[in-house]
Protein backbone atom coordinates (compact mmCIF):
# COMPACT_ATOMS: atom_id res chain seq x y z
CA MET A 1 35.29 -83.75 -24.34
CA LYS A 2 31.70 -84.73 -25.01
CA LYS A 3 30.50 -81.66 -23.14
CA GLU A 4 32.54 -79.33 -25.39
CA LYS A 5 31.12 -81.00 -28.47
CA SER A 6 27.54 -80.69 -27.28
CA SER A 7 28.01 -77.04 -26.37
CA ALA A 8 28.94 -76.30 -29.99
CA MET A 9 25.82 -78.00 -31.26
CA GLY A 10 22.57 -76.16 -31.75
CA THR A 11 19.08 -76.65 -33.08
CA PRO A 12 17.29 -74.98 -36.00
CA TYR A 13 15.56 -72.81 -33.39
CA THR A 14 18.79 -71.35 -31.94
CA PHE A 15 20.86 -68.74 -33.73
CA GLU A 16 24.29 -70.10 -32.85
CA GLY A 17 25.59 -73.66 -32.92
CA ARG A 18 26.06 -76.27 -35.64
CA ILE A 19 23.31 -78.43 -37.06
CA PRO A 20 23.80 -81.35 -39.50
CA LEU A 21 24.37 -80.29 -43.11
CA LYS A 22 21.54 -82.57 -44.27
CA GLN A 23 19.30 -80.36 -42.15
CA ALA A 24 21.01 -77.00 -42.70
CA ILE A 25 21.08 -77.12 -46.51
CA PRO A 26 17.32 -77.57 -47.14
CA LEU A 27 16.46 -75.04 -44.41
CA GLY A 28 18.79 -72.53 -46.05
CA LEU A 29 17.53 -73.28 -49.55
CA GLN A 30 13.93 -72.46 -48.64
CA HIS A 31 15.08 -68.94 -47.76
CA VAL A 32 16.75 -68.64 -51.17
CA MET A 33 13.66 -69.90 -53.00
CA ALA A 34 11.52 -67.31 -51.22
CA MET A 35 13.69 -64.34 -52.21
CA PHE A 36 15.33 -65.40 -55.48
CA VAL A 37 12.90 -63.75 -57.90
CA GLY A 38 12.53 -60.68 -55.70
CA ASN A 39 16.31 -60.27 -55.65
CA LEU A 40 16.56 -60.06 -59.45
CA THR A 41 13.32 -58.33 -60.45
CA PRO A 42 14.25 -54.75 -59.33
CA LEU A 43 17.47 -54.95 -61.33
CA LEU A 44 15.61 -56.12 -64.45
CA ILE A 45 13.10 -53.27 -64.10
CA ILE A 46 15.70 -50.52 -63.68
CA MET A 47 17.94 -51.85 -66.46
CA GLY A 48 14.89 -51.70 -68.70
CA ALA A 49 14.03 -48.16 -67.54
CA CYS A 50 17.61 -47.08 -68.35
CA GLY A 51 17.40 -48.66 -71.79
CA LEU A 52 19.97 -51.36 -70.97
CA THR A 53 18.09 -54.04 -72.89
CA ALA A 54 19.32 -57.04 -74.83
CA ASP A 55 17.86 -55.52 -78.03
CA ALA A 56 20.05 -52.44 -77.48
CA GLY A 57 23.17 -54.58 -77.30
CA TYR A 58 23.46 -54.85 -73.53
CA GLY A 59 22.74 -58.57 -73.23
CA ALA A 60 26.16 -59.48 -71.82
CA LEU A 61 26.03 -56.55 -69.39
CA ARG A 62 22.59 -57.58 -68.11
CA THR A 63 23.79 -61.14 -67.51
CA ALA A 64 26.84 -59.89 -65.61
CA LEU A 65 24.76 -57.56 -63.41
CA LEU A 66 22.26 -60.30 -62.55
CA GLN A 67 25.16 -62.58 -61.68
CA ASN A 68 26.57 -59.91 -59.35
CA ALA A 69 23.16 -59.40 -57.71
CA MET A 70 23.18 -62.99 -56.50
CA THR A 71 26.81 -62.88 -55.37
CA VAL A 72 26.32 -59.60 -53.48
CA ALA A 73 23.16 -60.84 -51.74
CA GLY A 74 25.00 -63.91 -50.48
CA ILE A 75 28.06 -61.97 -49.26
CA VAL A 76 26.07 -59.21 -47.51
CA THR A 77 23.83 -61.81 -45.86
CA LEU A 78 26.90 -63.52 -44.38
CA VAL A 79 28.22 -60.17 -43.11
CA GLN A 80 24.82 -59.43 -41.55
CA MET A 81 24.83 -62.73 -39.65
CA PHE A 82 28.50 -62.93 -38.59
CA SER A 83 29.42 -59.21 -38.57
CA ILE A 84 32.71 -57.49 -39.33
CA GLY A 85 33.28 -55.18 -36.38
CA PRO A 86 30.21 -52.93 -36.11
CA ILE A 87 28.99 -53.96 -39.56
CA GLY A 88 26.25 -56.56 -39.17
CA GLY A 89 23.69 -57.14 -36.44
CA LYS A 90 24.36 -60.86 -35.95
CA VAL A 91 20.71 -61.49 -36.70
CA PRO A 92 19.10 -64.10 -39.03
CA ILE A 93 18.29 -61.56 -41.73
CA VAL A 94 18.60 -62.39 -45.44
CA MET A 95 19.71 -59.48 -47.62
CA GLY A 96 18.83 -58.80 -51.24
CA THR A 97 18.21 -56.17 -53.93
CA SER A 98 15.60 -53.75 -52.63
CA SER A 99 12.41 -53.05 -54.58
CA GLY A 100 11.69 -50.01 -52.39
CA PHE A 101 13.91 -47.80 -54.55
CA LEU A 102 12.11 -48.53 -57.84
CA GLY A 103 10.00 -45.37 -57.76
CA VAL A 104 12.88 -43.00 -57.07
CA PHE A 105 15.17 -44.72 -59.58
CA LYS A 106 12.50 -44.40 -62.26
CA SER A 107 12.21 -40.69 -61.44
CA VAL A 108 15.98 -40.35 -61.86
CA THR A 109 15.73 -41.88 -65.35
CA ALA A 110 12.92 -39.43 -66.15
CA VAL A 111 15.21 -36.51 -65.24
CA LEU A 112 18.50 -37.77 -66.71
CA GLY A 113 17.13 -39.82 -69.61
CA GLN A 114 18.02 -43.36 -70.64
CA GLY A 115 21.49 -44.78 -71.04
CA ALA A 116 24.42 -46.29 -69.21
CA LEU A 117 25.32 -42.86 -67.80
CA THR A 118 21.99 -42.68 -65.98
CA TYR A 119 22.51 -46.16 -64.55
CA GLY A 120 25.94 -44.97 -63.42
CA ALA A 121 24.30 -42.00 -61.68
CA ILE A 122 22.02 -44.44 -59.85
CA LEU A 123 25.07 -46.41 -58.72
CA GLY A 124 26.85 -43.25 -57.57
CA ALA A 125 23.77 -42.14 -55.60
CA THR A 126 23.54 -45.61 -54.03
CA ILE A 127 27.17 -45.43 -52.88
CA VAL A 128 26.57 -42.06 -51.17
CA GLY A 129 23.16 -43.06 -49.81
CA GLY A 130 24.52 -46.31 -48.41
CA LEU A 131 27.24 -44.43 -46.52
CA PHE A 132 24.54 -42.07 -45.22
CA GLU A 133 22.49 -45.00 -43.90
CA GLY A 134 25.63 -46.37 -42.27
CA VAL A 135 25.94 -43.10 -40.33
CA LEU A 136 22.28 -43.39 -39.30
CA GLY A 137 23.04 -46.86 -37.94
CA VAL A 138 25.89 -45.49 -35.81
CA CYS A 139 23.56 -42.82 -34.39
CA LEU A 140 20.63 -45.16 -33.80
CA LYS A 141 21.08 -45.78 -30.05
CA PRO A 142 19.82 -42.35 -28.85
CA LEU A 143 16.83 -42.74 -31.20
CA ARG A 144 15.87 -46.17 -29.83
CA LYS A 145 13.54 -44.64 -27.24
CA PHE A 146 11.25 -43.59 -30.10
CA PHE A 147 10.71 -47.24 -31.09
CA PRO A 148 8.85 -48.99 -28.26
CA SER A 149 6.93 -52.17 -29.02
CA VAL A 150 3.75 -50.33 -30.03
CA VAL A 151 5.70 -48.38 -32.70
CA THR A 152 7.75 -51.30 -34.01
CA GLY A 153 4.59 -53.41 -33.98
CA CYS A 154 2.87 -50.86 -36.24
CA VAL A 155 5.87 -50.86 -38.58
CA VAL A 156 5.93 -54.66 -38.75
CA MET A 157 2.17 -54.82 -39.36
CA ALA A 158 2.55 -52.25 -42.15
CA ILE A 159 5.32 -54.36 -43.72
CA GLY A 160 3.07 -57.42 -43.61
CA LEU A 161 0.12 -55.53 -45.08
CA SER A 162 2.29 -54.16 -47.90
CA LEU A 163 3.54 -57.64 -48.82
CA ILE A 164 0.21 -59.49 -48.84
CA PRO A 165 -0.80 -58.01 -52.26
CA VAL A 166 2.67 -58.99 -53.56
CA GLY A 167 2.03 -62.57 -52.50
CA ILE A 168 -1.36 -62.58 -54.21
CA ASN A 169 0.21 -61.18 -57.40
CA TYR A 170 2.71 -64.04 -57.34
CA LEU A 171 -0.09 -66.54 -56.76
CA CYS A 172 -2.01 -65.23 -59.77
CA GLY A 173 1.02 -65.54 -62.07
CA GLY A 174 2.72 -62.15 -61.73
CA SER A 175 1.49 -58.64 -62.54
CA GLY A 176 1.10 -57.91 -66.23
CA THR A 177 0.89 -61.52 -67.42
CA ASN A 178 -1.85 -62.34 -69.92
CA ASP A 179 -3.04 -65.36 -67.94
CA TYR A 180 -3.13 -63.50 -64.61
CA GLY A 181 -5.46 -65.31 -62.20
CA SER A 182 -5.86 -68.34 -64.47
CA ILE A 183 -6.97 -71.70 -63.10
CA GLN A 184 -3.51 -73.12 -63.81
CA ASN A 185 -1.75 -70.41 -61.80
CA LEU A 186 -4.14 -70.69 -58.87
CA PHE A 187 -3.87 -74.49 -58.99
CA LEU A 188 -0.07 -74.39 -58.78
CA GLY A 189 -0.19 -71.95 -55.88
CA MET A 190 -2.73 -74.07 -54.00
CA VAL A 191 -0.63 -77.21 -54.50
CA VAL A 192 2.30 -75.46 -52.80
CA LEU A 193 0.11 -74.12 -50.00
CA ILE A 194 -1.57 -77.46 -49.30
CA VAL A 195 1.70 -79.43 -49.34
CA THR A 196 3.34 -76.86 -47.06
CA LEU A 197 0.47 -76.94 -44.56
CA ALA A 198 0.26 -80.73 -44.60
CA LEU A 199 3.98 -81.15 -43.92
CA LYS A 200 4.08 -78.35 -41.37
CA HIS A 201 1.23 -79.59 -39.20
CA PHE A 202 0.79 -83.30 -39.93
CA THR A 203 4.37 -84.55 -39.66
CA ASN A 204 6.86 -84.66 -36.80
CA PRO A 205 7.26 -80.97 -35.73
CA LYS A 206 11.01 -81.47 -35.22
CA GLY A 207 11.56 -83.54 -38.36
CA ILE A 208 12.97 -82.28 -41.65
CA LEU A 209 9.60 -82.64 -43.43
CA SER A 210 8.07 -80.11 -41.06
CA THR A 211 10.98 -77.70 -40.70
CA ALA A 212 11.64 -77.64 -44.48
CA SER A 213 7.94 -77.67 -45.41
CA ILE A 214 8.18 -74.42 -47.40
CA LEU A 215 11.07 -75.67 -49.53
CA ILE A 216 9.40 -79.04 -50.15
CA GLY A 217 6.12 -77.36 -51.02
CA ILE A 218 7.86 -75.11 -53.56
CA LEU A 219 9.78 -78.03 -55.08
CA VAL A 220 6.56 -80.07 -55.40
CA GLY A 221 4.86 -77.11 -57.07
CA TYR A 222 7.84 -76.68 -59.42
CA ALA A 223 7.67 -80.38 -60.36
CA VAL A 224 3.91 -80.09 -61.01
CA ALA A 225 4.56 -77.06 -63.23
CA ILE A 226 7.10 -79.06 -65.25
CA ILE A 227 4.58 -81.90 -65.68
CA MET A 228 1.89 -79.42 -66.73
CA THR A 229 4.33 -77.94 -69.27
CA MET A 230 4.86 -81.40 -70.74
CA VAL A 231 1.17 -82.32 -71.10
CA LEU A 232 -0.78 -79.06 -71.55
CA PRO A 233 -0.74 -76.40 -74.32
CA HIS A 234 1.95 -73.73 -73.93
CA THR A 235 0.25 -70.73 -75.54
CA GLY A 236 -2.94 -68.74 -75.38
CA THR A 237 -4.46 -65.93 -77.46
CA ALA A 238 -5.17 -62.38 -76.27
CA VAL A 239 -7.47 -59.90 -78.03
CA LEU A 240 -6.01 -56.38 -78.39
CA GLU A 241 -7.97 -53.10 -78.26
CA ASP A 242 -7.98 -52.84 -82.07
CA GLY A 243 -9.59 -56.27 -82.34
CA SER A 244 -6.45 -58.07 -83.48
CA THR A 245 -5.14 -61.11 -81.66
CA VAL A 246 -1.69 -62.03 -80.37
CA SER A 247 -0.32 -65.30 -79.03
CA TYR A 248 1.47 -65.46 -75.69
CA THR A 249 3.12 -68.14 -73.57
CA TYR A 250 1.37 -69.04 -70.31
CA SER A 251 3.23 -67.71 -67.26
CA TRP A 252 3.19 -71.13 -65.60
CA VAL A 253 5.07 -72.78 -68.48
CA VAL A 254 8.63 -73.82 -67.56
CA ASN A 255 11.09 -73.02 -70.39
CA PHE A 256 14.52 -74.61 -69.94
CA GLN A 257 16.10 -72.70 -72.85
CA GLN A 258 17.49 -70.12 -70.42
CA VAL A 259 19.20 -72.93 -68.49
CA LYS A 260 20.68 -74.39 -71.68
CA ASP A 261 22.03 -71.00 -72.75
CA ALA A 262 23.60 -70.14 -69.37
CA SER A 263 27.30 -70.83 -68.77
CA TRP A 264 28.61 -73.12 -66.05
CA PHE A 265 31.06 -70.66 -64.51
CA ALA A 266 31.60 -66.90 -64.49
CA LEU A 267 33.46 -64.52 -62.17
CA PRO A 268 31.74 -61.36 -60.85
CA GLY A 269 32.88 -57.99 -62.19
CA ILE A 270 33.43 -54.51 -60.75
CA ALA A 271 31.45 -51.49 -61.97
CA GLY A 272 33.49 -49.42 -64.43
CA PHE A 273 35.91 -52.22 -65.28
CA GLY A 274 36.03 -55.16 -67.68
CA LYS A 275 32.60 -56.50 -68.60
CA LEU A 276 30.97 -53.77 -66.45
CA ALA A 277 32.99 -50.91 -67.98
CA GLU A 278 29.83 -49.34 -69.43
CA VAL A 279 28.28 -48.70 -66.01
CA LYS A 280 30.85 -46.60 -64.21
CA PRO A 281 29.47 -44.86 -61.07
CA VAL A 282 29.02 -41.10 -61.50
CA PHE A 283 27.83 -38.63 -58.89
CA ARG A 284 24.91 -36.34 -59.80
CA VAL A 285 23.07 -34.22 -57.23
CA GLU A 286 19.76 -34.85 -59.03
CA ALA A 287 20.12 -38.53 -58.19
CA ILE A 288 21.85 -38.33 -54.80
CA LEU A 289 19.25 -36.22 -52.97
CA PRO A 290 16.13 -38.33 -53.63
CA VAL A 291 18.05 -41.58 -53.16
CA ALA A 292 19.42 -40.38 -49.80
CA ILE A 293 15.86 -39.71 -48.66
CA MET A 294 14.89 -43.24 -49.63
CA PHE A 295 17.71 -44.58 -47.47
CA ILE A 296 15.96 -42.97 -44.49
CA VAL A 297 12.85 -44.88 -45.51
CA THR A 298 14.68 -48.18 -45.79
CA THR A 299 16.24 -47.58 -42.35
CA VAL A 300 12.76 -47.56 -40.84
CA GLU A 301 11.84 -50.72 -42.75
CA THR A 302 15.01 -52.47 -41.62
CA VAL A 303 14.23 -51.62 -37.99
CA GLY A 304 10.85 -53.27 -38.49
CA ASP A 305 12.34 -56.33 -40.19
CA ILE A 306 14.92 -56.90 -37.46
CA CYS A 307 12.38 -56.37 -34.67
CA ALA A 308 9.96 -58.82 -36.31
CA CYS A 309 12.69 -61.37 -36.94
CA VAL A 310 14.10 -61.30 -33.40
CA GLU A 311 10.71 -61.11 -31.72
CA SER A 312 9.10 -63.92 -33.67
CA GLY A 313 12.16 -66.15 -34.00
CA MET A 314 13.95 -65.56 -30.70
CA ASP A 315 11.08 -64.49 -28.41
CA ARG A 316 12.76 -61.30 -27.26
CA GLU A 317 13.24 -57.68 -28.31
CA ALA A 318 16.07 -56.67 -30.62
CA THR A 319 19.02 -55.05 -28.84
CA ASP A 320 20.56 -51.69 -29.67
CA SER A 321 23.66 -53.36 -31.13
CA GLU A 322 21.55 -55.68 -33.33
CA LEU A 323 19.56 -52.77 -34.74
CA SER A 324 22.60 -50.53 -35.15
CA GLY A 325 24.77 -53.24 -36.73
CA GLY A 326 21.91 -54.34 -38.98
CA ILE A 327 21.34 -50.82 -40.32
CA ILE A 328 25.07 -50.23 -40.82
CA CYS A 329 25.23 -53.47 -42.81
CA ASP A 330 22.18 -52.33 -44.78
CA GLY A 331 23.93 -49.11 -45.73
CA LEU A 332 27.48 -50.28 -46.36
CA GLY A 333 26.15 -53.43 -48.05
CA SER A 334 24.28 -51.18 -50.48
CA SER A 335 27.44 -49.18 -51.20
CA PHE A 336 29.32 -52.44 -51.78
CA ALA A 337 26.54 -53.61 -54.11
CA ALA A 338 26.78 -50.40 -56.14
CA ALA A 339 30.55 -50.87 -56.48
CA LEU A 340 29.71 -54.16 -58.23
CA GLY A 341 27.06 -52.51 -60.40
CA VAL A 342 24.06 -53.69 -58.34
CA LEU A 343 21.20 -51.76 -56.74
CA PRO A 344 20.84 -51.26 -52.93
CA ASN A 345 20.89 -54.39 -50.78
CA THR A 346 18.56 -54.30 -47.79
CA SER A 347 16.84 -56.72 -45.43
CA PHE A 348 14.26 -58.93 -47.13
CA ALA A 349 10.88 -59.04 -45.43
CA GLN A 350 10.04 -62.18 -47.43
CA ASN A 351 12.51 -64.12 -45.33
CA VAL A 352 11.25 -62.57 -42.12
CA GLY A 353 7.97 -64.22 -43.06
CA ILE A 354 9.65 -67.63 -43.15
CA ILE A 355 11.13 -67.08 -39.70
CA SER A 356 7.75 -65.94 -38.37
CA MET A 357 6.22 -69.16 -39.71
CA THR A 358 8.90 -71.68 -38.86
CA LYS A 359 10.81 -70.09 -35.93
CA ILE A 360 14.02 -71.36 -37.61
CA VAL A 361 16.81 -68.84 -36.98
CA ASN A 362 19.93 -71.00 -37.07
CA ARG A 363 22.86 -69.08 -38.54
CA MET A 364 24.41 -72.17 -40.08
CA ALA A 365 21.20 -72.94 -41.97
CA LEU A 366 20.85 -69.40 -43.30
CA SER A 367 24.55 -69.39 -44.17
CA CYS A 368 23.96 -72.40 -46.43
CA GLY A 369 21.37 -70.34 -48.25
CA ALA A 370 23.78 -67.39 -48.54
CA ILE A 371 26.53 -69.67 -49.89
CA PHE A 372 24.06 -71.10 -52.42
CA LEU A 373 23.37 -67.53 -53.62
CA ILE A 374 27.09 -66.98 -54.11
CA LEU A 375 27.32 -70.27 -56.03
CA CYS A 376 24.43 -69.11 -58.22
CA GLY A 377 26.44 -65.98 -59.00
CA LEU A 378 29.47 -68.07 -59.91
CA CYS A 379 27.42 -70.67 -61.82
CA PRO A 380 24.76 -68.94 -63.96
CA LYS A 381 23.29 -72.30 -65.01
CA ILE A 382 22.15 -73.02 -61.43
CA ALA A 383 20.77 -69.50 -61.15
CA ALA A 384 18.83 -69.92 -64.39
CA PHE A 385 17.22 -73.14 -63.14
CA VAL A 386 15.89 -71.33 -60.07
CA SER A 387 14.90 -68.15 -61.91
CA ILE A 388 12.60 -69.89 -64.42
CA MET A 389 10.37 -71.21 -61.64
CA PRO A 390 6.81 -69.89 -62.25
CA GLN A 391 5.83 -67.05 -59.92
CA SER A 392 2.58 -68.80 -59.03
CA VAL A 393 4.64 -71.55 -57.37
CA LEU A 394 6.31 -69.01 -55.10
CA GLY A 395 2.92 -67.37 -54.51
CA GLY A 396 1.56 -70.47 -52.82
CA ALA A 397 4.11 -70.08 -50.05
CA ALA A 398 4.26 -66.28 -50.14
CA VAL A 399 0.65 -65.59 -49.17
CA MET A 400 1.16 -67.44 -45.90
CA MET A 401 4.68 -66.16 -45.24
CA PHE A 402 3.75 -62.53 -45.77
CA ALA A 403 0.61 -62.74 -43.66
CA SER A 404 2.70 -64.23 -40.84
CA ILE A 405 4.66 -60.95 -40.72
CA LEU A 406 1.40 -59.17 -39.98
CA VAL A 407 0.77 -61.65 -37.16
CA SER A 408 4.25 -60.93 -35.77
CA GLY A 409 3.37 -57.24 -35.61
CA ILE A 410 0.21 -58.06 -33.69
CA GLN A 411 2.28 -60.14 -31.27
CA LEU A 412 4.66 -57.23 -30.72
CA ILE A 413 1.81 -54.87 -29.88
CA THR A 414 0.02 -57.31 -27.59
CA LYS A 415 3.10 -58.22 -25.52
CA GLU A 416 1.69 -55.95 -22.83
CA PRO A 417 -1.94 -55.22 -21.91
CA ILE A 418 -3.62 -53.09 -24.57
CA THR A 419 -4.91 -49.73 -23.33
CA SER A 420 -6.98 -47.13 -25.14
CA ARG A 421 -3.72 -45.26 -25.81
CA GLU A 422 -2.23 -48.18 -27.76
CA ILE A 423 -5.51 -48.73 -29.60
CA THR A 424 -5.48 -45.08 -30.73
CA ILE A 425 -1.85 -45.24 -31.88
CA VAL A 426 -2.35 -48.45 -33.86
CA SER A 427 -5.67 -47.32 -35.33
CA VAL A 428 -4.36 -43.97 -36.60
CA ALA A 429 -0.98 -45.38 -37.74
CA LEU A 430 -2.58 -48.12 -39.82
CA GLY A 431 -5.81 -46.36 -40.79
CA LEU A 432 -4.49 -42.93 -41.72
CA GLY A 433 -0.74 -43.49 -42.06
CA TYR A 434 -0.67 -46.80 -43.90
CA GLY A 435 -3.95 -46.09 -45.71
CA LEU A 436 -2.76 -42.83 -47.27
CA GLY A 437 0.70 -44.13 -48.07
CA SER A 438 -0.46 -47.32 -49.76
CA THR A 439 -3.33 -45.82 -51.77
CA ALA A 440 -2.29 -44.83 -55.27
CA GLY A 441 -2.64 -41.10 -55.89
CA ALA A 442 -3.42 -40.17 -52.28
CA THR A 443 -0.23 -38.09 -51.98
CA SER A 444 0.08 -37.07 -55.62
CA GLU A 445 -0.58 -33.36 -54.93
CA LEU A 446 2.10 -33.11 -52.25
CA PRO A 447 5.65 -31.84 -52.97
CA TYR A 448 7.88 -34.34 -54.75
CA TYR A 449 10.22 -35.09 -51.85
CA ILE A 450 7.31 -35.65 -49.48
CA GLN A 451 5.82 -38.08 -52.00
CA LEU A 452 9.12 -39.98 -51.99
CA ILE A 453 8.88 -40.52 -48.25
CA PHE A 454 5.15 -41.00 -47.75
CA GLY A 455 3.98 -42.46 -51.06
CA GLY A 456 4.24 -46.10 -52.03
CA SER A 457 4.03 -48.90 -49.51
CA GLY A 458 2.60 -46.99 -46.54
CA ILE A 459 5.26 -48.34 -44.17
CA VAL A 460 6.94 -45.01 -43.46
CA PRO A 461 3.69 -43.00 -43.01
CA ALA A 462 2.51 -45.63 -40.52
CA ALA A 463 5.86 -45.44 -38.69
CA VAL A 464 5.83 -41.62 -38.56
CA ALA A 465 2.25 -41.56 -37.30
CA ALA A 466 3.02 -44.15 -34.62
CA ILE A 467 6.20 -42.33 -33.48
CA VAL A 468 4.47 -38.93 -33.26
CA LEU A 469 1.41 -40.27 -31.44
CA ASN A 470 3.58 -42.23 -29.02
CA ILE A 471 5.32 -38.98 -28.10
CA ILE A 472 2.31 -36.67 -27.75
CA ILE A 473 -0.33 -38.98 -26.22
CA PRO A 474 0.31 -39.25 -22.47
CA LYS A 475 0.74 -42.69 -20.99
CA GLU A 476 -2.02 -43.90 -18.77
CA LYS A 477 -1.16 -43.96 -15.09
CA LYS A 478 -0.99 -47.39 -13.51
CA LYS A 479 -3.63 -47.96 -10.87
CA ALA A 480 -2.31 -48.44 -7.37
CA GLU A 481 -2.83 -51.95 -6.07
């Protein structure tokens, strides 16, 4: 009897098996803290681009869509970890609203104009594109030979490189804020970083203080931000181009009004019905084609995320079924999200960074985080409390988490002895591929659809370069002993 009980138990460093709730809950919450803002931001941006603003009378709709974004992320994450048939890779991947589609969605609004109909066209394109990615997942096995460790390593490194500037933007207070890079923002970020490092490396490595160091660091930073809000001035003054001045609220100030205004309970809605009746999915070719191309891009990124997660957290390569199931979940999860009025749901590299840092892959722990996301969707007041956390607090943890993804890519590449062939592949993939893709304007003269694939983060250009070079450069012959 005791043997059966022990066999069902696990550790934070094993995917399966139970761990105590007092351990699982904080370990799951630190994953939610890391991705919470990133899960909602793309939706806010696209609603704004479509003209679905509170000033235009869409306040209730915006609240309902944000609520659904949290609920969907939690549900799709659970499917990814436990799987439903072939849907889900049974890997410790956290899912959320993708920011990779922002560029193409903005181009759709430029073609179709603002309005709820355009947002509906985006939802319709997401439904079709998600199904398309699901098919790609089914067909992945024969393509696996094109993704050896040197290629996946390049993809993972490109993901890490693309996220490091995001982490720095968080640390400085968030892009576009008037107090960007202020002493207060940098101070908050450094508090989180120092607390996280101290707990991670100067406490018992197997204790909760070490394993939940990221969560504790973020909570300490949040508490410091609240204290700063209570004792320091809330506003500053910016000088405009015409010489006039305007007052603004510092980005590190914590405003609890949003929490007070939020309701305690609300049920999610379905696109085209009830409170989401204004955003009924419609199917327009102008939206479907570019969005389908972007689903190819996100397939490559998901392969990199899963490889990094399994390699760094489980010390082995991802299997065909894990990659295939993960991509199918990516695609069908996005279609499911669109049915609830939300943008595509894909794997979150932010959370891969946590796994790379902590090696914590326990499914029960991550499930607690997914369930908390669902609760946030059902209880907007909880969601509001998390969402008002200053971005600089998250930045303190993000700079380290995102850089750890880069390190995971290096580990993938260096699993075997490095030859001049591998050096050439990595050098060209990152130098030319990632460099061109991540440099603003570098691909601006290319045809539109090529820009969709190769412009932006640089992840896909790096992947394409690595795949092509891996095929055409002959492998070096092993010397006879």
